[in-house]
Amino acid sequence: MNIFNELGGLAISTRLQRLSDQFRKEGILIYQANQIDFEPKWFPVIYALHVKTSLSIIELSEEIGYAHPSTISLLKELEKEGLVESFKDSKDERKRMVRLTAKAQKLVSKMQPVWEKMRKTAEEITNNANNLLLAMDETEYQLNKEGFLDRYLRLTQEETDSAVSIIDYKPEHAQAFYDLNYAWISETYEVEPEDEKTLSDPEKYYLKDGGAILMALYNDEPVGTCALKWSGEGVVEMSKMTVSKTMRGKKLGDLLGHAVIQKAADLGAKKVILYSNRKGSAAGINLYKKLGFVEVPLGGTNFKRADIKMEMELA
């Protein structure tokens, strides 16, 4: 057993490639032993066209499970070898069809008995307690349900979500609230006097009149925040929503956004409003739309950078 056998699922691609290379190498030797000039990589296209007679390139790609560019590359190679030819569909001249040439059909006739022996040989190798062919069917089924990348991203997100908690602001969060907000404001905008006022004394600015501040913690470290301030009868303004640079792209904004909307409802608000900037906060605006906010006329605001107002009616 070598190092890759010990790695389990981490080395699945390496081990499958190793198996594929071995089967391909010995397949070439079998063809050579039978005086057949044939590359194993040609097999999917040749066999599909042998069974289906003729196919469009898109149909062929779907039939063999290859990407369109890979299929075209193989077809070019086979055309050069004189094994496939293209022609126009009689029902739609814009549609390019491909089929085997007479040379390929003759070659297939010669290969068929060899293929049958190769099939039996492969089944002898794989017909054991952990049948490889059955396992491949099951694995392909699982990948069709959810791809490797999608599963990886889902598991990563689940790990992140399990490590995140969103809690009410405490006095010990004052510095984190200041630092998180100062970082994003100064990165894109001018830090305005109103910013300094709100960041320097959030308890007075937001909490004194019954508002709220939420803190997002990742493994107990503050990584995000958002505040609510009353702005009229039944209306709260959502502001100072940010996530640290190191946590962006982990959907923490979604979690924080949903939490702050729920908090607004818990406070008894009937409407949530916010002000933002179209250019500097484009990603934020997309998130607000996703959460259910809609754009409304701008009106007056305390911040020079604000050029869009959005609101959400709460049920």
C-alpha atoms as a PDB file:
ATOM      1  CA  MET A   1       0.000   0.000   0.000  1.00  0.00           C
ATOM      2  CA  ASN A   2       1.438   3.365  -1.000  1.00  0.00           C
ATOM      3  CA  ILE A   3       0.747   6.851   0.304  1.00  0.00           C
ATOM      4  CA  PHE A   4      -2.214   7.448  -2.018  1.00  0.00           C
ATOM      5  CA  ASN A   5      -3.969   4.258  -0.910  1.00  0.00           C
ATOM      6  CA  GLU A   6      -3.785   5.543   2.654  1.00  0.00           C
ATOM      7  CA  LEU A   7      -5.339   8.917   1.811  1.00  0.00           C
ATOM      8  CA  GLY A   8      -8.843   7.578   1.220  1.00  0.00           C
ATOM      9  CA  GLY A   9     -11.217   9.950  -0.586  1.00  0.00           C
ATOM     10  CA  LEU A  10      -8.602  12.698  -0.870  1.00  0.00           C
ATOM     11  CA  ALA A  11      -6.736  10.671  -3.493  1.00  0.00           C
ATOM     12  CA  ILE A  12      -9.767   9.386  -5.417  1.00  0.00           C
ATOM     13  CA  SER A  13      -8.895  11.352  -8.577  1.00  0.00           C
ATOM     14  CA  THR A  14      -5.269  10.196  -8.457  1.00  0.00           C
ATOM     15  CA  ARG A  15      -6.230   6.541  -8.005  1.00  0.00           C
ATOM     16  CA  LEU A  16      -8.885   6.645 -10.724  1.00  0.00           C
ATOM     17  CA  GLN A  17      -6.349   8.255 -13.061  1.00  0.00           C
ATOM     18  CA  ARG A  18      -3.866   5.544 -12.174  1.00  0.00           C
ATOM     19  CA  LEU A  19      -6.421   2.824 -12.915  1.00  0.00           C
ATOM     20  CA  SER A  20      -7.441   4.554 -16.140  1.00  0.00           C
ATOM     21  CA  ASP A  21      -3.831   4.830 -17.272  1.00  0.00           C
ATOM     22  CA  GLN A  22      -3.226   1.146 -16.578  1.00  0.00           C
ATOM     23  CA  PHE A  23      -6.345   0.015 -18.463  1.00  0.00           C
ATOM     24  CA  ARG A  24      -5.524   2.364 -21.346  1.00  0.00           C
ATOM     25  CA  LYS A  25      -1.897   1.225 -21.579  1.00  0.00           C
ATOM     26  CA  GLU A  26      -2.809  -2.467 -21.599  1.00  0.00           C
ATOM     27  CA  GLY A  27      -5.702  -1.788 -23.973  1.00  0.00           C
ATOM     28  CA  ILE A  28      -3.210  -0.393 -26.479  1.00  0.00           C
ATOM     29  CA  LEU A  29      -1.109  -3.566 -26.100  1.00  0.00           C
ATOM     30  CA  ILE A  30      -4.203  -5.712 -26.769  1.00  0.00           C
ATOM     31  CA  TYR A  31      -4.990  -3.754 -29.938  1.00  0.00           C
ATOM     32  CA  GLN A  32      -1.374  -4.046 -31.048  1.00  0.00           C
ATOM     33  CA  ALA A  33      -1.403  -7.809 -30.406  1.00  0.00           C
ATOM     34  CA  ASN A  34      -4.357  -8.028 -32.780  1.00  0.00           C
ATOM     35  CA  GLN A  35      -2.731  -5.793 -35.426  1.00  0.00           C
ATOM     36  CA  ILE A  36      -5.343  -3.078 -34.866  1.00  0.00           C
ATOM     37  CA  ASP A  37      -4.280   0.546 -35.139  1.00  0.00           C
ATOM     38  CA  PHE A  38      -6.621   2.082 -32.563  1.00  0.00           C
ATOM     39  CA  GLU A  39      -6.382   4.484 -29.604  1.00  0.00           C
ATOM     40  CA  PRO A  40      -8.528   3.681 -26.517  1.00  0.00           C
ATOM     41  CA  LYS A  41      -9.505   7.378 -26.243  1.00  0.00           C
ATOM     42  CA  TRP A  42     -11.347   7.021 -29.563  1.00  0.00           C
ATOM     43  CA  PHE A  43     -13.598   4.263 -28.211  1.00  0.00           C
ATOM     44  CA  PRO A  44     -16.515   6.393 -26.874  1.00  0.00           C
ATOM     45  CA  VAL A  45     -17.052   8.240 -30.157  1.00  0.00           C
ATOM     46  CA  ILE A  46     -16.526   5.215 -32.400  1.00  0.00           C
ATOM     47  CA  TYR A  47     -18.790   2.962 -30.342  1.00  0.00           C
ATOM     48  CA  ALA A  48     -21.545   5.582 -29.989  1.00  0.00           C
ATOM     49  CA  LEU A  49     -21.603   6.183 -33.744  1.00  0.00           C
ATOM     50  CA  HIS A  50     -21.491   2.439 -34.372  1.00  0.00           C
ATOM     51  CA  VAL A  51     -24.641   1.964 -32.278  1.00  0.00           C
ATOM     52  CA  LYS A  52     -26.506   5.174 -33.198  1.00  0.00           C
ATOM     53  CA  THR A  53     -25.379   5.363 -36.854  1.00  0.00           C
ATOM     54  CA  SER A  54     -25.308   9.165 -36.936  1.00  0.00           C
ATOM     55  CA  LEU A  55     -25.578  11.947 -34.357  1.00  0.00           C
ATOM     56  CA  SER A  56     -25.274  15.709 -34.134  1.00  0.00           C
ATOM     57  CA  ILE A  57     -22.247  16.937 -32.216  1.00  0.00           C
ATOM     58  CA  ILE A  58     -24.447  18.011 -29.294  1.00  0.00           C
ATOM     59  CA  GLU A  59     -26.191  14.624 -29.262  1.00  0.00           C
ATOM     60  CA  LEU A  60     -22.832  12.865 -29.399  1.00  0.00           C
ATOM     61  CA  SER A  61     -21.508  14.958 -26.486  1.00  0.00           C
ATOM     62  CA  GLU A  62     -24.524  14.019 -24.392  1.00  0.00           C
ATOM     63  CA  GLU A  63     -24.301  10.372 -25.415  1.00  0.00           C
ATOM     64  CA  ILE A  64     -20.661   9.947 -24.361  1.00  0.00           C
ATOM     65  CA  GLY A  65     -20.830  12.392 -21.441  1.00  0.00           C
ATOM     66  CA  TYR A  66     -18.025  14.651 -22.675  1.00  0.00           C
ATOM     67  CA  ALA A  67     -17.915  18.441 -22.770  1.00  0.00           C
ATOM     68  CA  HIS A  68     -18.666  19.930 -26.190  1.00  0.00           C
ATOM     69  CA  PRO A  69     -15.062  21.179 -26.786  1.00  0.00           C
ATOM     70  CA  SER A  70     -13.629  17.753 -25.857  1.00  0.00           C
ATOM     71  CA  THR A  71     -16.009  16.043 -28.280  1.00  0.00           C
ATOM     72  CA  ILE A  72     -15.041  18.423 -31.102  1.00  0.00           C
ATOM     73  CA  SER A  73     -11.348  17.819 -30.396  1.00  0.00           C
ATOM     74  CA  LEU A  74     -11.833  14.051 -30.656  1.00  0.00           C
ATOM     75  CA  LEU A  75     -13.857  14.407 -33.848  1.00  0.00           C
ATOM     76  CA  LYS A  76     -11.130  16.491 -35.467  1.00  0.00           C
ATOM     77  CA  GLU A  77      -8.595  13.805 -34.636  1.00  0.00           C
ATOM     78  CA  LEU A  78     -10.841  11.036 -35.964  1.00  0.00           C
ATOM     79  CA  GLU A  79     -11.600  12.987 -39.144  1.00  0.00           C
ATOM     80  CA  LYS A  80      -7.868  13.304 -39.719  1.00  0.00           C
ATOM     81  CA  GLU A  81      -7.586   9.512 -39.347  1.00  0.00           C
ATOM     82  CA  GLY A  82     -10.412   9.043 -41.847  1.00  0.00           C
ATOM     83  CA  LEU A  83     -12.664   7.339 -39.298  1.00  0.00           C
ATOM     84  CA  VAL A  84     -15.542   9.825 -39.082  1.00  0.00           C
ATOM     85  CA  GLU A  85     -17.153  12.195 -41.545  1.00  0.00           C
ATOM     86  CA  SER A  86     -19.610  15.049 -41.205  1.00  0.00           C
ATOM     87  CA  PHE A  87     -22.660  15.857 -43.299  1.00  0.00           C
ATOM     88  CA  LYS A  88     -25.675  18.167 -43.236  1.00  0.00           C
ATOM     89  CA  ASP A  89     -28.927  16.971 -41.706  1.00  0.00           C
ATOM     90  CA  SER A  90     -31.499  16.429 -44.472  1.00  0.00           C
ATOM     91  CA  LYS A  91     -34.183  18.037 -42.280  1.00  0.00           C
ATOM     92  CA  ASP A  92     -32.097  20.999 -41.135  1.00  0.00           C
ATOM     93  CA  GLU A  93     -29.085  21.999 -43.233  1.00  0.00           C
ATOM     94  CA  ARG A  94     -27.752  24.177 -40.403  1.00  0.00           C
ATOM     95  CA  LYS A  95     -27.291  21.067 -38.290  1.00  0.00           C
ATOM     96  CA  ARG A  96     -23.961  19.229 -38.624  1.00  0.00           C
ATOM     97  CA  MET A  97     -24.159  15.441 -38.281  1.00  0.00           C
ATOM     98  CA  VAL A  98     -21.325  12.932 -37.914  1.00  0.00           C
ATOM     99  CA  ARG A  99     -21.052   9.249 -38.784  1.00  0.00           C
ATOM    100  CA  LEU A 100     -18.474   6.519 -39.230  1.00  0.00           C
ATOM    101  CA  THR A 101     -16.678   6.198 -42.546  1.00  0.00           C
ATOM    102  CA  ALA A 102     -16.475   2.917 -44.461  1.00  0.00           C
ATOM    103  CA  LYS A 103     -12.913   2.597 -43.106  1.00  0.00           C
ATOM    104  CA  ALA A 104     -14.194   2.890 -39.521  1.00  0.00           C
ATOM    105  CA  GLN A 105     -17.016   0.407 -40.097  1.00  0.00           C
ATOM    106  CA  LYS A 106     -14.503  -2.134 -41.390  1.00  0.00           C
ATOM    107  CA  LEU A 107     -12.296  -1.447 -38.365  1.00  0.00           C
ATOM    108  CA  VAL A 108     -15.242  -1.918 -35.987  1.00  0.00           C
ATOM    109  CA  SER A 109     -16.024  -5.306 -37.530  1.00  0.00           C
ATOM    110  CA  LYS A 110     -12.446  -6.350 -36.825  1.00  0.00           C
ATOM    111  CA  MET A 111     -12.553  -4.978 -33.266  1.00  0.00           C
ATOM    112  CA  GLN A 112     -15.886  -6.427 -32.141  1.00  0.00           C
ATOM    113  CA  PRO A 113     -14.553  -9.875 -31.137  1.00  0.00           C
ATOM    114  CA  VAL A 114     -11.639  -8.154 -29.409  1.00  0.00           C
ATOM    115  CA  TRP A 115     -14.058  -5.854 -27.547  1.00  0.00           C
ATOM    116  CA  GLU A 116     -16.050  -8.864 -26.353  1.00  0.00           C
ATOM    117  CA  LYS A 117     -12.953 -10.501 -24.885  1.00  0.00           C
ATOM    118  CA  MET A 118     -11.894  -7.165 -23.337  1.00  0.00           C
ATOM    119  CA  ARG A 119     -15.338  -6.833 -21.750  1.00  0.00           C
ATOM    120  CA  LYS A 120     -15.084 -10.308 -20.208  1.00  0.00           C
ATOM    121  CA  THR A 121     -11.546  -9.576 -19.011  1.00  0.00           C
ATOM    122  CA  ALA A 122     -12.607  -6.297 -17.381  1.00  0.00           C
ATOM    123  CA  GLU A 123     -15.585  -7.946 -15.698  1.00  0.00           C
ATOM    124  CA  GLU A 124     -13.309 -10.669 -14.331  1.00  0.00           C
ATOM    125  CA  ILE A 125     -11.107  -7.969 -12.782  1.00  0.00           C
ATOM    126  CA  THR A 126     -14.014  -5.974 -11.320  1.00  0.00           C
ATOM    127  CA  ASN A 127     -16.306  -8.846 -10.314  1.00  0.00           C
ATOM    128  CA  ASN A 128     -15.392  -9.006  -6.636  1.00  0.00           C
ATOM    129  CA  ALA A 129     -16.921  -8.150  -3.260  1.00  0.00           C
ATOM    130  CA  ASN A 130     -16.662  -4.427  -4.010  1.00  0.00           C
ATOM    131  CA  ASN A 131     -17.703  -4.513  -7.647  1.00  0.00           C
ATOM    132  CA  LEU A 132     -16.032  -1.553  -9.342  1.00  0.00           C
ATOM    133  CA  LEU A 133     -18.621  -1.224 -12.104  1.00  0.00           C
ATOM    134  CA  LEU A 134     -21.494  -1.102  -9.617  1.00  0.00           C
ATOM    135  CA  ALA A 135     -19.548   1.359  -7.465  1.00  0.00           C
ATOM    136  CA  MET A 136     -18.960   3.544 -10.528  1.00  0.00           C
ATOM    137  CA  ASP A 137     -22.711   3.531 -11.283  1.00  0.00           C
ATOM    138  CA  GLU A 138     -23.440   4.583  -7.709  1.00  0.00           C
ATOM    139  CA  THR A 139     -20.722   7.254  -7.735  1.00  0.00           C
ATOM    140  CA  GLU A 140     -21.905   8.724 -11.032  1.00  0.00           C
ATOM    141  CA  TYR A 141     -25.448   8.798  -9.648  1.00  0.00           C
ATOM    142  CA  GLN A 142     -24.267  10.702  -6.568  1.00  0.00           C
ATOM    143  CA  LEU A 143     -22.303  13.187  -8.706  1.00  0.00           C
ATOM    144  CA  ASN A 144     -25.349  13.781 -10.906  1.00  0.00           C
ATOM    145  CA  LYS A 145     -27.391  14.542  -7.778  1.00  0.00           C
ATOM    146  CA  GLU A 146     -24.790  17.003  -6.476  1.00  0.00           C
ATOM    147  CA  GLY A 147     -21.375  17.690  -7.996  1.00  0.00           C
ATOM    148  CA  PHE A 148     -18.028  17.452  -6.203  1.00  0.00           C
ATOM    149  CA  LEU A 149     -17.586  21.245  -6.036  1.00  0.00           C
ATOM    150  CA  ASP A 150     -21.172  21.830  -4.884  1.00  0.00           C
ATOM    151  CA  ARG A 151     -20.776  19.251  -2.107  1.00  0.00           C
ATOM    152  CA  TYR A 152     -17.461  20.789  -1.049  1.00  0.00           C
ATOM    153  CA  LEU A 153     -18.992  24.268  -0.889  1.00  0.00           C
ATOM    154  CA  ARG A 154     -22.013  22.978   1.020  1.00  0.00           C
ATOM    155  CA  LEU A 155     -19.869  21.198   3.616  1.00  0.00           C
ATOM    156  CA  THR A 156     -17.666  24.278   3.943  1.00  0.00           C
ATOM    157  CA  GLN A 157     -20.740  26.464   4.455  1.00  0.00           C
ATOM    158  CA  GLU A 158     -22.163  24.044   7.009  1.00  0.00           C
ATOM    159  CA  GLU A 159     -18.890  24.167   8.956  1.00  0.00           C
ATOM    160  CA  THR A 160     -18.929  27.973   8.839  1.00  0.00           C
ATOM    161  CA  ASP A 161     -22.574  28.168   9.905  1.00  0.00           C
ATOM    162  CA  SER A 162     -21.977  25.848  12.847  1.00  0.00           C
ATOM    163  CA  ALA A 163     -19.125  28.079  14.054  1.00  0.00           C
ATOM    164  CA  VAL A 164     -21.136  31.305  13.705  1.00  0.00           C
ATOM    165  CA  SER A 165     -23.375  32.772  16.370  1.00  0.00           C
ATOM    166  CA  ILE A 166     -25.282  36.044  16.167  1.00  0.00           C
ATOM    167  CA  ILE A 167     -25.849  37.729  19.511  1.00  0.00           C
ATOM    168  CA  ASP A 168     -26.954  41.033  20.954  1.00  0.00           C
ATOM    169  CA  TYR A 169     -24.272  43.659  21.443  1.00  0.00           C
ATOM    170  CA  LYS A 170     -22.486  43.811  24.791  1.00  0.00           C
ATOM    171  CA  PRO A 171     -20.312  46.664  26.115  1.00  0.00           C
ATOM    172  CA  GLU A 172     -17.191  44.568  25.519  1.00  0.00           C
ATOM    173  CA  HIS A 173     -17.985  44.630  21.776  1.00  0.00           C
ATOM    174  CA  ALA A 174     -17.515  48.406  21.531  1.00  0.00           C
ATOM    175  CA  GLN A 175     -14.018  48.231  20.049  1.00  0.00           C
ATOM    176  CA  ALA A 176     -14.935  45.453  17.612  1.00  0.00           C
ATOM    177  CA  PHE A 177     -17.984  47.441  16.456  1.00  0.00           C
ATOM    178  CA  TYR A 178     -15.769  50.457  15.834  1.00  0.00           C
ATOM    179  CA  ASP A 179     -12.965  48.508  14.107  1.00  0.00           C
ATOM    180  CA  LEU A 180     -15.211  46.440  11.833  1.00  0.00           C
ATOM    181  CA  ASN A 181     -17.117  49.471  10.605  1.00  0.00           C
ATOM    182  CA  TYR A 182     -14.150  51.834  10.365  1.00  0.00           C
ATOM    183  CA  ALA A 183     -12.360  49.227   8.186  1.00  0.00           C
ATOM    184  CA  TRP A 184     -15.027  49.032   5.480  1.00  0.00           C
ATOM    185  CA  ILE A 185     -15.907  52.731   5.510  1.00  0.00           C
ATOM    186  CA  SER A 186     -12.302  53.931   5.228  1.00  0.00           C
ATOM    187  CA  GLU A 187     -11.535  51.324   2.558  1.00  0.00           C
ATOM    188  CA  THR A 188     -14.081  52.768   0.118  1.00  0.00           C
ATOM    189  CA  TYR A 189     -15.321  56.100   1.427  1.00  0.00           C
ATOM    190  CA  GLU A 190     -14.429  59.102   3.510  1.00  0.00           C
ATOM    191  CA  VAL A 191     -15.090  58.549   7.218  1.00  0.00           C
ATOM    192  CA  GLU A 192     -17.641  61.292   7.912  1.00  0.00           C
ATOM    193  CA  PRO A 193     -18.330  63.112  11.221  1.00  0.00           C
ATOM    194  CA  GLU A 194     -21.613  61.206  11.514  1.00  0.00           C
ATOM    195  CA  ASP A 195     -19.640  57.948  11.286  1.00  0.00           C
ATOM    196  CA  GLU A 196     -17.348  58.970  14.140  1.00  0.00           C
ATOM    197  CA  LYS A 197     -20.349  59.903  16.251  1.00  0.00           C
ATOM    198  CA  THR A 198     -22.124  56.596  15.745  1.00  0.00           C
ATOM    199  CA  LEU A 199     -19.043  54.403  15.997  1.00  0.00           C
ATOM    200  CA  SER A 200     -17.575  56.074  19.059  1.00  0.00           C
ATOM    201  CA  ASP A 201     -20.716  55.690  21.197  1.00  0.00           C
ATOM    202  CA  PRO A 202     -22.980  53.018  19.690  1.00  0.00           C
ATOM    203  CA  GLU A 203     -24.825  52.448  22.938  1.00  0.00           C
ATOM    204  CA  LYS A 204     -25.974  56.068  23.033  1.00  0.00           C
ATOM    205  CA  TYR A 205     -26.661  56.337  19.307  1.00  0.00           C
ATOM    206  CA  TYR A 206     -28.490  53.021  18.801  1.00  0.00           C
ATOM    207  CA  LEU A 207     -29.462  51.430  22.097  1.00  0.00           C
ATOM    208  CA  LYS A 208     -30.551  54.363  24.217  1.00  0.00           C
ATOM    209  CA  ASP A 209     -33.796  54.875  22.285  1.00  0.00           C
ATOM    210  CA  GLY A 210     -34.642  51.163  22.073  1.00  0.00           C
ATOM    211  CA  GLY A 211     -32.688  50.201  18.971  1.00  0.00           C
ATOM    212  CA  ALA A 212     -30.388  47.202  18.673  1.00  0.00           C
ATOM    213  CA  ILE A 213     -26.942  46.083  17.579  1.00  0.00           C
ATOM    214  CA  LEU A 214     -26.193  42.526  16.539  1.00  0.00           C
ATOM    215  CA  MET A 215     -22.723  40.999  16.572  1.00  0.00           C
ATOM    216  CA  ALA A 216     -21.744  38.013  14.425  1.00  0.00           C
ATOM    217  CA  LEU A 217     -19.174  35.817  16.139  1.00  0.00           C
ATOM    218  CA  TYR A 218     -17.050  33.177  14.433  1.00  0.00           C
ATOM    219  CA  ASN A 219     -15.551  30.827  16.988  1.00  0.00           C
ATOM    220  CA  ASP A 220     -16.429  33.549  19.529  1.00  0.00           C
ATOM    221  CA  GLU A 221     -14.508  36.262  17.652  1.00  0.00           C
ATOM    222  CA  PRO A 222     -16.481  39.288  16.329  1.00  0.00           C
ATOM    223  CA  VAL A 223     -16.491  39.187  12.524  1.00  0.00           C
ATOM    224  CA  GLY A 224     -19.601  41.122  11.612  1.00  0.00           C
ATOM    225  CA  THR A 225     -22.176  43.548  12.897  1.00  0.00           C
ATOM    226  CA  CYS A 226     -25.357  45.434  12.054  1.00  0.00           C
ATOM    227  CA  ALA A 227     -27.373  48.074  13.907  1.00  0.00           C
ATOM    228  CA  LEU A 228     -30.993  49.219  14.079  1.00  0.00           C
ATOM    229  CA  LYS A 229     -32.071  52.739  15.032  1.00  0.00           C
ATOM    230  CA  TRP A 230     -35.617  53.997  15.342  1.00  0.00           C
ATOM    231  CA  SER A 231     -36.426  56.463  12.581  1.00  0.00           C
ATOM    232  CA  GLY A 232     -40.083  57.307  13.155  1.00  0.00           C
ATOM    233  CA  GLU A 233     -43.300  55.589  14.114  1.00  0.00           C
ATOM    234  CA  GLY A 234     -42.897  51.870  13.402  1.00  0.00           C
ATOM    235  CA  VAL A 235     -39.790  52.458  11.263  1.00  0.00           C
ATOM    236  CA  VAL A 236     -36.235  51.345  12.034  1.00  0.00           C
ATOM    237  CA  GLU A 237     -33.151  52.192  10.016  1.00  0.00           C
ATOM    238  CA  MET A 238     -30.686  49.383   9.398  1.00  0.00           C
ATOM    239  CA  SER A 239     -27.107  50.600   9.227  1.00  0.00           C
ATOM    240  CA  LYS A 240     -23.477  49.771   9.875  1.00  0.00           C
ATOM    241  CA  MET A 241     -23.859  46.293   8.419  1.00  0.00           C
ATOM    242  CA  THR A 242     -20.483  44.777   7.674  1.00  0.00           C
ATOM    243  CA  VAL A 243     -18.530  41.539   7.656  1.00  0.00           C
ATOM    244  CA  SER A 244     -14.769  41.351   8.100  1.00  0.00           C
ATOM    245  CA  LYS A 245     -12.702  40.853   4.948  1.00  0.00           C
ATOM    246  CA  THR A 246     -11.536  37.429   6.099  1.00  0.00           C
ATOM    247  CA  MET A 247     -15.131  36.170   6.281  1.00  0.00           C
ATOM    248  CA  ARG A 248     -16.473  37.537   3.014  1.00  0.00           C
ATOM    249  CA  GLY A 249     -17.793  34.990   0.560  1.00  0.00           C
ATOM    250  CA  LYS A 250     -18.997  32.682   3.348  1.00  0.00           C
ATOM    251  CA  LYS A 251     -22.627  33.900   3.259  1.00  0.00           C
ATOM    252  CA  LEU A 252     -22.251  35.480   6.671  1.00  0.00           C
ATOM    253  CA  GLY A 253     -24.021  38.559   5.311  1.00  0.00           C
ATOM    254  CA  ASP A 254     -27.083  36.419   4.577  1.00  0.00           C
ATOM    255  CA  LEU A 255     -27.157  35.081   8.133  1.00  0.00           C
ATOM    256  CA  LEU A 256     -26.649  38.534   9.611  1.00  0.00           C
ATOM    257  CA  GLY A 257     -29.243  40.098   7.299  1.00  0.00           C
ATOM    258  CA  HIS A 258     -31.945  37.587   8.185  1.00  0.00           C
ATOM    259  CA  ALA A 259     -31.104  37.941  11.887  1.00  0.00           C
ATOM    260  CA  VAL A 260     -31.348  41.738  11.865  1.00  0.00           C
ATOM    261  CA  ILE A 261     -34.688  41.661  10.008  1.00  0.00           C
ATOM    262  CA  GLN A 262     -36.025  39.251  12.607  1.00  0.00           C
ATOM    263  CA  LYS A 263     -34.662  41.554  15.308  1.00  0.00           C
ATOM    264  CA  ALA A 264     -36.523  44.493  13.760  1.00  0.00           C
ATOM    265  CA  ALA A 265     -39.740  42.482  13.846  1.00  0.00           C
ATOM    266  CA  ASP A 266     -39.089  41.514  17.465  1.00  0.00           C
ATOM    267  CA  LEU A 267     -38.704  45.221  18.312  1.00  0.00           C
ATOM    268  CA  GLY A 268     -42.155  45.818  16.865  1.00  0.00           C
ATOM    269  CA  ALA A 269     -41.084  47.640  13.703  1.00  0.00           C
ATOM    270  CA  LYS A 270     -43.426  47.664  10.711  1.00  0.00           C
ATOM    271  CA  LYS A 271     -40.816  48.828   8.220  1.00  0.00           C
ATOM    272  CA  VAL A 272     -37.014  48.654   7.838  1.00  0.00           C
ATOM    273  CA  ILE A 273     -35.178  51.283   5.796  1.00  0.00           C
ATOM    274  CA  LEU A 274     -31.533  51.627   4.815  1.00  0.00           C
ATOM    275  CA  TYR A 275     -29.242  53.956   2.863  1.00  0.00           C
ATOM    276  CA  SER A 276     -26.343  52.772   0.733  1.00  0.00           C
ATOM    277  CA  ASN A 277     -24.102  53.602  -2.205  1.00  0.00           C
ATOM    278  CA  ARG A 278     -24.664  52.029  -5.622  1.00  0.00           C
ATOM    279  CA  LYS A 279     -21.017  51.804  -6.660  1.00  0.00           C
ATOM    280  CA  GLY A 280     -19.096  51.274  -3.447  1.00  0.00           C
ATOM    281  CA  SER A 281     -21.617  48.863  -1.930  1.00  0.00           C
ATOM    282  CA  ALA A 282     -22.873  47.012  -5.018  1.00  0.00           C
ATOM    283  CA  ALA A 283     -22.486  43.608  -3.350  1.00  0.00           C
ATOM    284  CA  GLY A 284     -24.383  44.883  -0.315  1.00  0.00           C
ATOM    285  CA  ILE A 285     -27.235  46.173  -2.472  1.00  0.00           C
ATOM    286  CA  ASN A 286     -27.509  42.776  -4.159  1.00  0.00           C
ATOM    287  CA  LEU A 287     -27.772  41.206  -0.709  1.00  0.00           C
ATOM    288  CA  TYR A 288     -30.458  43.686   0.362  1.00  0.00           C
ATOM    289  CA  LYS A 289     -32.490  42.858  -2.747  1.00  0.00           C
ATOM    290  CA  LYS A 290     -32.081  39.179  -1.995  1.00  0.00           C
ATOM    291  CA  LEU A 291     -33.349  39.789   1.541  1.00  0.00           C
ATOM    292  CA  GLY A 292     -36.441  41.528   0.145  1.00  0.00           C
ATOM    293  CA  PHE A 293     -35.595  45.244   0.194  1.00  0.00           C
ATOM    294  CA  VAL A 294     -36.837  47.446  -2.658  1.00  0.00           C
ATOM    295  CA  GLU A 295     -35.556  50.818  -3.827  1.00  0.00           C
ATOM    296  CA  VAL A 296     -37.568  53.924  -2.945  1.00  0.00           C
ATOM    297  CA  PRO A 297     -36.963  57.683  -3.518  1.00  0.00           C
ATOM    298  CA  LEU A 298     -33.796  58.810  -1.718  1.00  0.00           C
ATOM    299  CA  GLY A 299     -35.001  61.806   0.289  1.00  0.00           C
ATOM    300  CA  GLY A 300     -32.774  63.336   2.977  1.00  0.00           C
ATOM    301  CA  THR A 301     -29.841  61.557   4.647  1.00  0.00           C
ATOM    302  CA  ASN A 302     -27.040  62.323   7.092  1.00  0.00           C
ATOM    303  CA  PHE A 303     -24.339  60.741   4.894  1.00  0.00           C
ATOM    304  CA  LYS A 304     -22.792  62.274   1.771  1.00  0.00           C
ATOM    305  CA  ARG A 305     -22.032  58.833   0.302  1.00  0.00           C
ATOM    306  CA  ALA A 306     -25.671  57.678   0.352  1.00  0.00           C
ATOM    307  CA  ASP A 307     -27.229  57.677  -3.128  1.00  0.00           C
ATOM    308  CA  ILE A 308     -29.865  54.956  -2.732  1.00  0.00           C
ATOM    309  CA  LYS A 309     -32.604  54.284  -0.195  1.00  0.00           C
ATOM    310  CA  MET A 310     -34.252  50.898   0.233  1.00  0.00           C
ATOM    311  CA  GLU A 311     -37.011  49.629   2.451  1.00  0.00           C
ATOM    312  CA  MET A 312     -38.828  46.486   3.490  1.00  0.00           C
ATOM    313  CA  GLU A 313     -42.336  46.178   4.868  1.00  0.00           C
ATOM    314  CA  LEU A 314     -42.580  43.725   7.758  1.00  0.00           C
ATOM    315  CA  ALA A 315     -45.658  41.530   8.091  1.00  0.00           C
END
